[in-house]
């Protein structure tokens, strides 16, 4: 895929993630936004891990700037995007991107959210494992959406045509 096409797709996916974050729901002190995780899987499959991480970072900055998310947007989305992209790069199957998104967001991002909550947000009631469940719920919703959408795009040939 040409660099210009990658940048256009990345920009569109960032816009979808930011607008999609208006469709969020609270779970145990965090704002769950499944559209971000859908976008992470799409980025992992179509653009690779580095684009995915940069996109997750830019989306998180925009979400925080627009009041659509908290600082918790950073650890979950970036870890999920990185692991989804790396696993898909190593074994190019849709399920590897989805598994990477789930594990990266829920476990790694959930654990990294603790110091963010404690040190940057001043939340002294935060506990080490408290963000794993809400991050898992959010990413699971996005992964299910990604599986449905990506399977449809692969079966119709749209994704293959776009990636040329």
Protein backbone atom coordinates (compact mmCIF):
# COMPACT_ATOMS: atom_id res chain seq x y z
CA UNK A 1 0.00 0.00 0.00
CA UNK A 2 1.35 3.43 -0.93
CA UNK A 3 2.29 5.83 1.84
CA UNK A 4 -0.35 8.39 0.81
CA UNK A 5 -3.07 5.74 0.93
CA UNK A 6 -1.84 4.64 4.37
CA UNK A 7 -1.95 8.20 5.69
CA UNK A 8 -5.47 8.71 4.33
CA UNK A 9 -6.67 5.47 5.91
CA UNK A 10 -4.95 6.32 9.20
CA UNK A 11 -6.60 9.75 9.23
CA UNK A 12 -10.01 8.29 8.51
CA UNK A 13 -9.61 5.68 11.25
CA UNK A 14 -8.54 8.36 13.75
CA UNK A 15 -11.66 10.35 12.86
CA UNK A 16 -13.85 7.24 13.26
CA UNK A 17 -12.27 6.50 16.66
CA UNK A 18 -12.72 10.06 17.94
CA UNK A 19 -16.31 10.36 16.75
CA UNK A 20 -16.99 6.80 17.88
CA UNK A 21 -15.81 7.64 21.37
CA UNK A 22 -19.04 9.57 21.85
CA UNK A 23 -20.57 6.08 22.02
CA UNK A 24 -18.98 5.13 25.34
CA UNK A 25 -20.27 3.74 28.59
CA UNK A 26 -18.87 3.83 32.15
CA UNK A 27 -17.57 0.64 33.73
CA UNK A 28 -15.90 0.72 37.16
CA UNK A 29 -14.39 4.19 36.88
CA UNK A 30 -13.32 4.13 33.24
CA UNK A 31 -15.02 5.17 30.03
CA UNK A 32 -15.29 2.16 27.75
CA UNK A 33 -15.12 3.00 24.07
CA UNK A 34 -15.32 -0.14 21.92
CA UNK A 35 -14.91 1.79 18.66
CA UNK A 36 -11.27 2.51 19.58
CA UNK A 37 -10.60 -1.23 19.76
CA UNK A 38 -12.38 -1.84 16.47
CA UNK A 39 -10.10 0.76 14.89
CA UNK A 40 -7.03 -0.81 16.50
CA UNK A 41 -7.78 -4.18 14.89
CA UNK A 42 -8.42 -2.58 11.51
CA UNK A 43 -5.13 -0.67 11.79
CA UNK A 44 -3.26 -3.82 12.82
CA UNK A 45 -4.48 -5.70 9.75
CA UNK A 46 -4.22 -2.91 7.19
CA UNK A 47 -1.43 -0.61 8.38
CA UNK A 48 0.77 -2.43 10.88
CA UNK A 49 1.83 -1.91 14.48
CA UNK A 50 3.59 1.45 14.22
CA UNK A 51 0.76 3.20 12.44
CA UNK A 52 -1.61 1.65 14.99
CA UNK A 53 0.32 2.95 17.99
CA UNK A 54 0.65 6.46 16.54
CA UNK A 55 -3.04 6.45 15.63
CA UNK A 56 -4.00 5.32 19.16
CA UNK A 57 -1.84 8.08 20.65
CA UNK A 58 -3.33 10.80 18.40
CA UNK A 59 -6.85 9.52 19.07
CA UNK A 60 -6.21 9.56 22.83
CA UNK A 61 -4.88 13.12 22.67
CA UNK A 62 -7.95 14.24 20.73
CA UNK A 63 -10.34 12.39 23.03
CA UNK A 64 -8.82 14.01 26.10
CA UNK A 65 -8.69 17.45 24.42
CA UNK A 66 -12.37 17.25 23.43
CA UNK A 67 -13.45 15.88 26.81
CA UNK A 68 -14.48 12.55 25.30
CA UNK A 69 -12.11 10.46 27.40
CA UNK A 70 -9.67 10.51 30.27
CA UNK A 71 -5.97 9.81 30.55
CA UNK A 72 -6.99 6.14 30.74
CA UNK A 73 -7.38 6.32 26.96
CA UNK A 74 -3.60 6.20 26.53
CA UNK A 75 -2.39 2.94 28.12
CA UNK A 76 -5.19 0.69 26.91
CA UNK A 77 -5.46 1.86 23.34
CA UNK A 78 -1.73 2.11 22.67
CA UNK A 79 -0.82 -1.27 24.20
CA UNK A 80 -3.70 -2.95 22.39
CA UNK A 81 -2.76 -1.39 19.06
CA UNK A 82 0.90 -2.38 19.43
CA UNK A 83 0.28 -5.99 20.41
CA UNK A 84 -2.47 -6.44 17.80
CA UNK A 85 -0.16 -5.13 15.09
CA UNK A 86 2.87 -7.15 16.17
CA UNK A 87 0.94 -10.41 16.47
CA UNK A 88 -0.73 -9.86 13.10
CA UNK A 89 2.68 -9.07 11.58
CA UNK A 90 4.11 -12.32 13.01
CA UNK A 91 1.09 -14.49 12.10
CA UNK A 92 -1.21 -12.71 9.63
CA UNK A 93 -4.56 -14.06 10.79
CA UNK A 94 -7.48 -11.93 11.97
CA UNK A 95 -7.72 -13.83 15.24
CA UNK A 96 -4.11 -12.92 16.16
CA UNK A 97 -4.86 -9.21 15.78
CA UNK A 98 -7.98 -9.65 17.90
CA UNK A 99 -6.16 -11.64 20.58
CA UNK A 100 -3.40 -9.04 20.66
CA UNK A 101 -5.95 -6.26 21.05
CA UNK A 102 -7.67 -8.06 23.91
CA UNK A 103 -4.51 -8.99 25.80
CA UNK A 104 -2.70 -5.73 25.08
CA UNK A 105 -5.59 -3.56 26.17
CA UNK A 106 -7.01 -5.57 29.05
CA UNK A 107 -3.92 -7.00 30.71
CA UNK A 108 -0.97 -4.80 29.76
CA UNK A 109 -2.97 -1.57 29.37
CA UNK A 110 -5.04 -2.39 32.45
CA UNK A 111 -1.91 -2.78 34.56
CA UNK A 112 -0.30 0.35 33.12
CA UNK A 113 -3.47 2.32 33.89
CA UNK A 114 -2.77 2.00 37.62
CA UNK A 115 0.26 4.33 37.69
CA UNK A 116 -1.55 6.73 35.34
CA UNK A 117 -4.52 6.87 37.72
CA UNK A 118 -2.35 7.15 40.81
CA UNK A 119 0.41 9.51 39.67
CA UNK A 120 -1.16 11.61 36.92
CA UNK A 121 -4.81 11.68 37.95
CA UNK A 122 -4.26 11.66 41.73
CA UNK A 123 -6.63 8.75 42.28
CA UNK A 124 -5.36 7.31 45.57
CA UNK A 125 -8.16 4.74 45.70
CA UNK A 126 -6.89 3.09 42.48
CA UNK A 127 -5.71 -0.50 42.80
CA UNK A 128 -3.32 -2.44 40.60
CA UNK A 129 -5.83 -4.81 38.98
CA UNK A 130 -8.96 -2.61 38.99
CA UNK A 131 -8.73 -1.50 35.34
CA UNK A 132 -8.37 -4.94 33.80
CA UNK A 133 -12.09 -5.80 33.83
CA UNK A 134 -13.38 -2.52 32.35
CA UNK A 135 -10.63 -2.54 29.72
CA UNK A 136 -11.49 -6.16 28.90
CA UNK A 137 -15.19 -5.32 28.49
CA UNK A 138 -14.41 -2.39 26.23
CA UNK A 139 -11.89 -4.23 24.08
CA UNK A 140 -14.06 -7.35 23.82
CA UNK A 141 -16.89 -5.27 22.38
CA UNK A 142 -14.56 -3.69 19.85
CA UNK A 143 -12.99 -7.02 18.92
CA UNK A 144 -16.40 -8.57 18.23
CA UNK A 145 -17.29 -5.61 16.01
CA UNK A 146 -13.92 -5.90 14.26
CA UNK A 147 -14.35 -9.61 13.62
CA UNK A 148 -17.76 -8.99 12.02
CA UNK A 149 -16.64 -6.03 9.93
CA UNK A 150 -13.28 -7.43 8.84
CA UNK A 151 -14.77 -10.81 7.93
CA UNK A 152 -17.36 -9.07 5.76
CA UNK A 153 -14.71 -6.88 4.12
CA UNK A 154 -12.50 -9.90 3.42
CA UNK A 155 -15.36 -11.99 1.99
CA UNK A 156 -16.51 -9.22 -0.35
CA UNK A 157 -12.96 -8.48 -1.49
CA UNK A 158 -13.15 -4.83 -0.44
CA UNK A 159 -10.24 -5.14 1.97
CA UNK A 160 -8.03 -6.92 -0.53
CA UNK A 161 -8.74 -4.29 -3.17
CA UNK A 162 -8.05 -1.44 -0.77
CA UNK A 163 -4.70 -2.89 0.34
CA UNK A 164 -3.29 -3.06 -3.22
